[in-house]
Amino acid sequence: MVLLASLPVGLNVVTINLGKHTDKLTEDLGKRVRTLPVLVGETAARYITMSAIVLSYGLVAYLVFIRAS
């Protein structure tokens, strides 16, 4: 249960890092920095970010629904 409760926080960190590196995509491409947005492309990185946000809120809603403590 503790692992499940920690996932939303980790997913929020993922969204912050992906958003930061998606904004710097052209600079990272120029410097040949291999971030996830560079490897998968801007569109895929945006979908991964959106999915992580939805999954984070979904997990919180699920934990509230099952009354995890």
PDB file of N, CA and C in Angstrom:
ATOM      1  N   MET A   1       0.828  -1.182   0.000  1.00  0.00           N
ATOM      2  CA  MET A   1       0.000   0.000   0.000  1.00  0.00           C
ATOM      3  C   MET A   1       0.881   1.259   0.000  1.00  0.00           C
ATOM      4  N   VAL A   2       2.014   1.188   0.703  1.00  0.00           N
ATOM      5  CA  VAL A   2       2.917   2.337   0.747  1.00  0.00           C
ATOM      6  C   VAL A   2       3.495   2.607  -0.652  1.00  0.00           C
ATOM      7  N   LEU A   3       3.853   1.561  -1.351  1.00  0.00           N
ATOM      8  CA  LEU A   3       4.381   1.722  -2.702  1.00  0.00           C
ATOM      9  C   LEU A   3       3.338   2.360  -3.616  1.00  0.00           C
ATOM     10  N   LEU A   4       2.116   1.912  -3.534  1.00  0.00           N
ATOM     11  CA  LEU A   4       1.035   2.466  -4.344  1.00  0.00           C
ATOM     12  C   LEU A   4       0.801   3.936  -4.005  1.00  0.00           C
ATOM     13  N   ALA A   5       0.874   4.272  -2.730  1.00  0.00           N
ATOM     14  CA  ALA A   5       0.662   5.658  -2.303  1.00  0.00           C
ATOM     15  C   ALA A   5       1.805   6.574  -2.735  1.00  0.00           C
ATOM     16  N   SER A   6       2.990   6.018  -2.958  1.00  0.00           N
ATOM     17  CA  SER A   6       4.126   6.849  -3.364  1.00  0.00           C
ATOM     18  C   SER A   6       4.159   7.111  -4.870  1.00  0.00           C
ATOM     19  N   LEU A   7       3.434   6.336  -5.642  1.00  0.00           N
ATOM     20  CA  LEU A   7       3.475   6.492  -7.100  1.00  0.00           C
ATOM     21  C   LEU A   7       2.999   7.851  -7.600  1.00  0.00           C
ATOM     22  N   PRO A   8       1.926   8.441  -7.049  1.00  0.00           N
ATOM     23  CA  PRO A   8       1.531   9.769  -7.550  1.00  0.00           C
ATOM     24  C   PRO A   8       2.629  10.826  -7.402  1.00  0.00           C
ATOM     25  N   VAL A   9       3.366  10.782  -6.305  1.00  0.00           N
ATOM     26  CA  VAL A   9       4.446  11.745  -6.105  1.00  0.00           C
ATOM     27  C   VAL A   9       5.540  11.522  -7.149  1.00  0.00           C
ATOM     28  N   GLY A  10       5.894  10.284  -7.380  1.00  0.00           N
ATOM     29  CA  GLY A  10       6.910   9.979  -8.389  1.00  0.00           C
ATOM     30  C   GLY A  10       6.464  10.377  -9.786  1.00  0.00           C
ATOM     31  N   LEU A  11       5.200  10.151 -10.088  1.00  0.00           N
ATOM     32  CA  LEU A  11       4.685  10.547 -11.401  1.00  0.00           C
ATOM     33  C   LEU A  11       4.694  12.066 -11.574  1.00  0.00           C
ATOM     34  N   ASN A  12       4.448  12.790 -10.485  1.00  0.00           N
ATOM     35  CA  ASN A  12       4.514  14.247 -10.573  1.00  0.00           C
ATOM     36  C   ASN A  12       5.938  14.727 -10.848  1.00  0.00           C
ATOM     37  N   VAL A  13       6.915  14.059 -10.278  1.00  0.00           N
ATOM     38  CA  VAL A  13       8.318  14.395 -10.564  1.00  0.00           C
ATOM     39  C   VAL A  13       8.623  14.118 -12.040  1.00  0.00           C
ATOM     40  N   VAL A  14       8.108  13.018 -12.559  1.00  0.00           N
ATOM     41  CA  VAL A  14       8.299  12.683 -13.969  1.00  0.00           C
ATOM     42  C   VAL A  14       7.723  13.780 -14.861  1.00  0.00           C
ATOM     43  N   THR A  15       6.529  14.271 -14.527  1.00  0.00           N
ATOM     44  CA  THR A  15       5.912  15.308 -15.359  1.00  0.00           C
ATOM     45  C   THR A  15       6.735  16.592 -15.348  1.00  0.00           C
ATOM     46  N   ILE A  16       7.300  16.934 -14.198  1.00  0.00           N
ATOM     47  CA  ILE A  16       8.132  18.137 -14.115  1.00  0.00           C
ATOM     48  C   ILE A  16       9.375  17.989 -14.984  1.00  0.00           C
ATOM     49  N   ASN A  17      10.049  16.854 -14.867  1.00  0.00           N
ATOM     50  CA  ASN A  17      11.268  16.644 -15.656  1.00  0.00           C
ATOM     51  C   ASN A  17      10.978  16.570 -17.150  1.00  0.00           C
ATOM     52  N   LEU A  18       9.913  15.869 -17.524  1.00  0.00           N
ATOM     53  CA  LEU A  18       9.571  15.784 -18.947  1.00  0.00           C
ATOM     54  C   LEU A  18       9.181  17.147 -19.503  1.00  0.00           C
ATOM     55  N   GLY A  19       8.403  17.903 -18.729  1.00  0.00           N
ATOM     56  CA  GLY A  19       8.014  19.233 -19.188  1.00  0.00           C
ATOM     57  C   GLY A  19       9.218  20.143 -19.369  1.00  0.00           C
ATOM     58  N   LYS A  20      10.151  20.078 -18.442  1.00  0.00           N
ATOM     59  CA  LYS A  20      11.368  20.897 -18.526  1.00  0.00           C
ATOM     60  C   LYS A  20      12.175  20.546 -19.769  1.00  0.00           C
ATOM     61  N   HIS A  21      12.335  19.274 -20.013  1.00  0.00           N
ATOM     62  CA  HIS A  21      13.161  18.860 -21.141  1.00  0.00           C
ATOM     63  C   HIS A  21      12.414  18.956 -22.469  1.00  0.00           C
ATOM     64  N   THR A  22      11.087  18.894 -22.454  1.00  0.00           N
ATOM     65  CA  THR A  22      10.331  19.104 -23.687  1.00  0.00           C
ATOM     66  C   THR A  22      10.465  20.554 -24.130  1.00  0.00           C
ATOM     67  N   ASP A  23      10.465  21.478 -23.163  1.00  0.00           N
ATOM     68  CA  ASP A  23      10.655  22.897 -23.491  1.00  0.00           C
ATOM     69  C   ASP A  23      12.044  23.161 -24.066  1.00  0.00           C
ATOM     70  N   LYS A  24      13.032  22.414 -23.630  1.00  0.00           N
ATOM     71  CA  LYS A  24      14.419  22.598 -24.088  1.00  0.00           C
ATOM     72  C   LYS A  24      14.806  21.624 -25.184  1.00  0.00           C
ATOM     73  N   LEU A  25      13.835  21.108 -25.916  1.00  0.00           N
ATOM     74  CA  LEU A  25      14.092  20.061 -26.901  1.00  0.00           C
ATOM     75  C   LEU A  25      15.092  20.511 -27.963  1.00  0.00           C
ATOM     76  N   THR A  26      14.909  21.696 -28.513  1.00  0.00           N
ATOM     77  CA  THR A  26      15.820  22.146 -29.580  1.00  0.00           C
ATOM     78  C   THR A  26      17.238  22.347 -29.057  1.00  0.00           C
ATOM     79  N   GLU A  27      17.350  22.869 -27.823  1.00  0.00           N
ATOM     80  CA  GLU A  27      18.693  23.039 -27.248  1.00  0.00           C
ATOM     81  C   GLU A  27      19.349  21.693 -26.988  1.00  0.00           C
ATOM     82  N   ASP A  28      18.560  20.739 -26.480  1.00  0.00           N
ATOM     83  CA  ASP A  28      19.108  19.407 -26.216  1.00  0.00           C
ATOM     84  C   ASP A  28      19.516  18.707 -27.513  1.00  0.00           C
ATOM     85  N   LEU A  29      18.739  18.898 -28.561  1.00  0.00           N
ATOM     86  CA  LEU A  29      19.109  18.316 -29.862  1.00  0.00           C
ATOM     87  C   LEU A  29      20.423  18.901 -30.354  1.00  0.00           C
ATOM     88  N   GLY A  30      20.577  20.218 -30.210  1.00  0.00           N
ATOM     89  CA  GLY A  30      21.805  20.876 -30.653  1.00  0.00           C
ATOM     90  C   GLY A  30      23.029  20.434 -29.876  1.00  0.00           C
ATOM     91  N   LYS A  31      22.844  20.175 -28.585  1.00  0.00           N
ATOM     92  CA  LYS A  31      23.957  19.750 -27.725  1.00  0.00           C
ATOM     93  C   LYS A  31      24.131  18.234 -27.715  1.00  0.00           C
ATOM     94  N   ARG A  32      23.236  17.531 -28.404  1.00  0.00           N
ATOM     95  CA  ARG A  32      23.245  16.067 -28.455  1.00  0.00           C
ATOM     96  C   ARG A  32      23.073  15.432 -27.075  1.00  0.00           C
ATOM     97  N   VAL A  33      22.203  16.061 -26.274  1.00  0.00           N
ATOM     98  CA  VAL A  33      21.859  15.511 -24.965  1.00  0.00           C
ATOM     99  C   VAL A  33      20.726  14.528 -25.176  1.00  0.00           C
ATOM    100  N   ARG A  34      20.874  13.319 -24.637  1.00  0.00           N
ATOM    101  CA  ARG A  34      19.899  12.249 -24.896  1.00  0.00           C
ATOM    102  C   ARG A  34      18.846  12.198 -23.788  1.00  0.00           C
ATOM    103  N   THR A  35      17.942  13.164 -23.787  1.00  0.00           N
ATOM    104  CA  THR A  35      16.828  13.142 -22.838  1.00  0.00           C
ATOM    105  C   THR A  35      15.683  12.339 -23.459  1.00  0.00           C
ATOM    106  N   LEU A  36      14.692  11.992 -22.647  1.00  0.00           N
ATOM    107  CA  LEU A  36      13.571  11.202 -23.163  1.00  0.00           C
ATOM    108  C   LEU A  36      12.830  11.920 -24.290  1.00  0.00           C
ATOM    109  N   PRO A  37      12.550  13.235 -24.175  1.00  0.00           N
ATOM    110  CA  PRO A  37      11.903  13.909 -25.309  1.00  0.00           C
ATOM    111  C   PRO A  37      12.728  13.865 -26.598  1.00  0.00           C
ATOM    112  N   VAL A  38      14.030  13.879 -26.478  1.00  0.00           N
ATOM    113  CA  VAL A  38      14.882  13.778 -27.668  1.00  0.00           C
ATOM    114  C   VAL A  38      14.770  12.371 -28.252  1.00  0.00           C
ATOM    115  N   LEU A  39      14.747  11.373 -27.396  1.00  0.00           N
ATOM    116  CA  LEU A  39      14.711   9.990 -27.869  1.00  0.00           C
ATOM    117  C   LEU A  39      13.368   9.596 -28.472  1.00  0.00           C
ATOM    118  N   VAL A  40      12.255  10.045 -27.861  1.00  0.00           N
ATOM    119  CA  VAL A  40      10.938   9.621 -28.338  1.00  0.00           C
ATOM    120  C   VAL A  40      10.248  10.655 -29.212  1.00  0.00           C
ATOM    121  N   GLY A  41      10.742  11.878 -29.211  1.00  0.00           N
ATOM    122  CA  GLY A  41      10.112  12.942 -29.993  1.00  0.00           C
ATOM    123  C   GLY A  41       9.182  13.785 -29.138  1.00  0.00           C
ATOM    124  N   GLU A  42       8.906  14.993 -29.626  1.00  0.00           N
ATOM    125  CA  GLU A  42       8.118  15.941 -28.847  1.00  0.00           C
ATOM    126  C   GLU A  42       6.685  15.461 -28.625  1.00  0.00           C
ATOM    127  N   THR A  43       6.054  14.945 -29.661  1.00  0.00           N
ATOM    128  CA  THR A  43       4.659  14.518 -29.534  1.00  0.00           C
ATOM    129  C   THR A  43       4.517  13.385 -28.529  1.00  0.00           C
ATOM    130  N   ALA A  44       5.362  12.385 -28.630  1.00  0.00           N
ATOM    131  CA  ALA A  44       5.305  11.264 -27.687  1.00  0.00           C
ATOM    132  C   ALA A  44       5.609  11.725 -26.265  1.00  0.00           C
ATOM    133  N   ALA A  45       6.560  12.632 -26.111  1.00  0.00           N
ATOM    134  CA  ALA A  45       6.905  13.142 -24.779  1.00  0.00           C
ATOM    135  C   ALA A  45       5.723  13.880 -24.165  1.00  0.00           C
ATOM    136  N   ARG A  46       4.995  14.625 -24.979  1.00  0.00           N
ATOM    137  CA  ARG A  46       3.809  15.331 -24.468  1.00  0.00           C
ATOM    138  C   ARG A  46       2.724  14.339 -24.054  1.00  0.00           C
ATOM    139  N   TYR A  47       2.528  13.286 -24.832  1.00  0.00           N
ATOM    140  CA  TYR A  47       1.531  12.274 -24.469  1.00  0.00           C
ATOM    141  C   TYR A  47       1.942  11.512 -23.210  1.00  0.00           C
ATOM    142  N   ILE A  48       3.212  11.238 -23.054  1.00  0.00           N
ATOM    143  CA  ILE A  48       3.698  10.574 -21.842  1.00  0.00           C
ATOM    144  C   ILE A  48       3.461  11.481 -20.636  1.00  0.00           C
ATOM    145  N   THR A  49       3.727  12.766 -20.787  1.00  0.00           N
ATOM    146  CA  THR A  49       3.505  13.716 -19.699  1.00  0.00           C
ATOM    147  C   THR A  49       2.030  13.778 -19.320  1.00  0.00           C
ATOM    148  N   MET A  50       1.164  13.876 -20.316  1.00  0.00           N
ATOM    149  CA  MET A  50      -0.275  13.927 -20.038  1.00  0.00           C
ATOM    150  C   MET A  50      -0.752  12.632 -19.382  1.00  0.00           C
ATOM    151  N   SER A  51      -0.226  11.512 -19.833  1.00  0.00           N
ATOM    152  CA  SER A  51      -0.605  10.226 -19.248  1.00  0.00           C
ATOM    153  C   SER A  51      -0.163  10.128 -17.795  1.00  0.00           C
ATOM    154  N   ALA A  52       1.021  10.627 -17.498  1.00  0.00           N
ATOM    155  CA  ALA A  52       1.520  10.594 -16.122  1.00  0.00           C
ATOM    156  C   ALA A  52       0.662  11.465 -15.213  1.00  0.00           C
ATOM    157  N   ILE A  53       0.210  12.608 -15.711  1.00  0.00           N
ATOM    158  CA  ILE A  53      -0.658  13.478 -14.913  1.00  0.00           C
ATOM    159  C   ILE A  53      -1.983  12.788 -14.625  1.00  0.00           C
ATOM    160  N   VAL A  54      -2.599  12.229 -15.666  1.00  0.00           N
ATOM    161  CA  VAL A  54      -3.894  11.553 -15.497  1.00  0.00           C
ATOM    162  C   VAL A  54      -3.743  10.349 -14.570  1.00  0.00           C
ATOM    163  N   LEU A  55      -2.691   9.576 -14.746  1.00  0.00           N
ATOM    164  CA  LEU A  55      -2.467   8.406 -13.897  1.00  0.00           C
ATOM    165  C   LEU A  55      -2.236   8.814 -12.443  1.00  0.00           C
ATOM    166  N   SER A  56      -1.532   9.899 -12.233  1.00  0.00           N
ATOM    167  CA  SER A  56      -1.288  10.387 -10.875  1.00  0.00           C
ATOM    168  C   SER A  56      -2.599  10.725 -10.175  1.00  0.00           C
ATOM    169  N   TYR A  57      -3.447  11.502 -10.835  1.00  0.00           N
ATOM    170  CA  TYR A  57      -4.735  11.849 -10.233  1.00  0.00           C
ATOM    171  C   TYR A  57      -5.633  10.624 -10.109  1.00  0.00           C
ATOM    172  N   GLY A  58      -5.561   9.724 -11.065  1.00  0.00           N
ATOM    173  CA  GLY A  58      -6.348   8.505 -10.997  1.00  0.00           C
ATOM    174  C   GLY A  58      -5.966   7.643  -9.801  1.00  0.00           C
ATOM    175  N   LEU A  59      -4.664   7.542  -9.553  1.00  0.00           N
ATOM    176  CA  LEU A  59      -4.215   6.768  -8.395  1.00  0.00           C
ATOM    177  C   LEU A  59      -4.667   7.397  -7.087  1.00  0.00           C
ATOM    178  N   VAL A  60      -4.611   8.722  -7.001  1.00  0.00           N
ATOM    179  CA  VAL A  60      -5.077   9.401  -5.790  1.00  0.00           C
ATOM    180  C   VAL A  60      -6.573   9.140  -5.603  1.00  0.00           C
ATOM    181  N   ALA A  61      -7.350   9.254  -6.667  1.00  0.00           N
ATOM    182  CA  ALA A  61      -8.789   8.993  -6.586  1.00  0.00           C
ATOM    183  C   ALA A  61      -9.053   7.554  -6.161  1.00  0.00           C
ATOM    184  N   TYR A  62      -8.290   6.616  -6.707  1.00  0.00           N
ATOM    185  CA  TYR A  62      -8.449   5.209  -6.337  1.00  0.00           C
ATOM    186  C   TYR A  62      -8.137   4.992  -4.857  1.00  0.00           C
ATOM    187  N   LEU A  63      -7.046   5.591  -4.383  1.00  0.00           N
ATOM    188  CA  LEU A  63      -6.687   5.437  -2.971  1.00  0.00           C
ATOM    189  C   LEU A  63      -7.736   6.051  -2.056  1.00  0.00           C
ATOM    190  N   VAL A  64      -8.308   7.177  -2.455  1.00  0.00           N
ATOM    191  CA  VAL A  64      -9.390   7.768  -1.679  1.00  0.00           C
ATOM    192  C   VAL A  64     -10.610   6.850  -1.705  1.00  0.00           C
ATOM    193  N   PHE A  65     -10.910   6.298  -2.877  1.00  0.00           N
ATOM    194  CA  PHE A  65     -12.071   5.426  -3.028  1.00  0.00           C
ATOM    195  C   PHE A  65     -11.979   4.179  -2.140  1.00  0.00           C
ATOM    196  N   ILE A  66     -10.795   3.578  -2.081  1.00  0.00           N
ATOM    197  CA  ILE A  66     -10.650   2.380  -1.260  1.00  0.00           C
ATOM    198  C   ILE A  66     -10.326   2.713   0.204  1.00  0.00           C
ATOM    199  N   ARG A  67     -10.230   4.000   0.475  1.00  0.00           N
ATOM    200  CA  ARG A  67      -9.948   4.484   1.842  1.00  0.00           C
ATOM    201  C   ARG A  67      -8.655   3.900   2.386  1.00  0.00           C
ATOM    202  N   ALA A  68      -7.604   4.032   1.583  1.00  0.00           N
ATOM    203  CA  ALA A  68      -6.286   3.538   2.003  1.00  0.00           C
ATOM    204  C   ALA A  68      -5.789   4.379   3.162  1.00  0.00           C
ATOM    205  N   SER A  69      -5.182   3.726   4.105  1.00  0.00           N
ATOM    206  CA  SER A  69      -4.630   4.470   5.241  1.00  0.00           C
ATOM    207  C   SER A  69      -3.249   3.976   5.598  1.00  0.00           C
TER     208      SER A  69
END
